Amino acid sequence: MNTKLTLNINQNVVEDAKTYAKENHVSLSKLIENYLHSLTKKNKKRSKTTPLVESLTGVIKLNDKDHKTEYLNYLEEKYK
């Protein structure tokens, strides 16, 4: 169930966040929801990742490509 939430946030922060969300193909609401969820998880062992990194989990949609091979190709091109 979704609930509407009203927040007071600095206008510049909101504009930057909207730009970031658009560039990463995620809604600002989802970005904030993921961040809040990462802060409030219960019964979770403390991880070495920061709340910011955890908030971004699931934001990027990956396809079925072999990522190790693609990364290797990238490195080969970079260091030619």
Protein backbone atom coordinates (compact mmCIF):
# COMPACT_ATOMS: atom_id res chain seq x y z
CA MET A 1 0.00 0.00 0.00
CA ASN A 2 1.39 3.39 -0.95
CA THR A 3 0.95 6.51 1.15
CA LYS A 4 1.41 10.12 0.14
CA LEU A 5 4.11 12.00 2.08
CA THR A 6 4.80 15.72 2.14
CA LEU A 7 8.38 16.84 2.76
CA ASN A 8 10.08 20.21 3.04
CA ILE A 9 13.41 19.97 1.20
CA ASN A 10 15.73 22.63 -0.15
CA GLN A 11 14.72 23.46 -3.73
CA ASN A 12 18.25 22.96 -5.11
CA VAL A 13 18.43 19.51 -3.53
CA VAL A 14 15.10 18.57 -5.09
CA GLU A 15 16.16 19.77 -8.53
CA ASP A 16 19.45 17.86 -8.33
CA ALA A 17 17.64 14.75 -7.11
CA LYS A 18 15.13 14.95 -9.96
CA THR A 19 17.96 15.23 -12.46
CA TYR A 20 19.74 12.26 -10.89
CA ALA A 21 16.55 10.19 -10.88
CA LYS A 22 15.81 11.01 -14.52
CA GLU A 23 19.35 10.14 -15.61
CA ASN A 24 19.06 6.80 -13.81
CA HIS A 25 15.56 6.03 -15.12
CA VAL A 26 13.94 5.85 -11.71
CA SER A 27 11.26 7.96 -10.13
CA LEU A 28 12.22 10.33 -7.36
CA SER A 29 9.64 8.62 -5.16
CA LYS A 30 11.24 5.22 -5.73
CA LEU A 31 14.69 6.61 -5.07
CA ILE A 32 13.57 8.08 -1.74
CA GLU A 33 11.60 4.95 -0.87
CA ASN A 34 14.65 2.75 -1.47
CA TYR A 35 16.80 5.04 0.65
CA LEU A 36 14.34 5.12 3.55
CA HIS A 37 13.90 1.36 3.30
CA SER A 38 17.65 0.84 3.57
CA LEU A 39 17.76 3.01 6.69
CA THR A 40 14.93 1.22 8.43
CA LYS A 41 15.57 -2.45 7.68
CA LYS A 42 15.22 -4.48 10.83
CA ASN A 43 17.00 -7.69 11.76
CA LYS A 44 19.70 -6.98 9.24
CA LYS A 45 23.33 -7.47 9.99
CA ARG A 46 25.30 -4.28 9.67
CA SER A 47 26.83 -4.35 6.26
CA LYS A 48 29.90 -2.60 4.96
CA THR A 49 27.85 -0.76 2.37
CA THR A 50 26.59 2.72 3.04
CA PRO A 51 22.89 3.58 3.18
CA LEU A 52 23.29 5.44 -0.11
CA VAL A 53 24.59 2.35 -1.89
CA GLU A 54 21.85 0.22 -0.38
CA SER A 55 19.24 2.77 -1.43
CA LEU A 56 20.34 2.37 -5.03
CA THR A 57 19.98 -1.40 -4.96
CA GLY A 58 17.48 -2.42 -7.62
CA VAL A 59 17.58 0.92 -9.41
CA ILE A 60 19.59 -0.37 -12.36
CA LYS A 61 17.88 -2.91 -14.57
CA LEU A 62 20.36 -5.38 -16.02
CA ASN A 63 19.77 -7.49 -19.08
CA ASP A 64 21.00 -11.06 -19.63
CA LYS A 65 24.43 -10.18 -21.06
CA ASP A 66 27.59 -11.69 -19.67
CA HIS A 67 28.82 -8.76 -17.57
CA LYS A 68 32.24 -10.23 -16.85
CA THR A 69 32.94 -10.54 -20.57
CA GLU A 70 31.70 -7.01 -21.22
CA TYR A 71 33.87 -5.65 -18.43
CA LEU A 72 36.88 -7.52 -19.77
CA ASN A 73 36.22 -6.07 -23.23
CA TYR A 74 35.96 -2.60 -21.72
CA LEU A 75 39.29 -3.00 -19.94
CA GLU A 76 40.98 -4.32 -23.06
CA GLU A 77 39.80 -1.28 -25.03
CA LYS A 78 40.77 1.10 -22.27
CA TYR A 79 44.32 -0.17 -21.91
CA LYS A 80 45.21 -0.71 -25.60
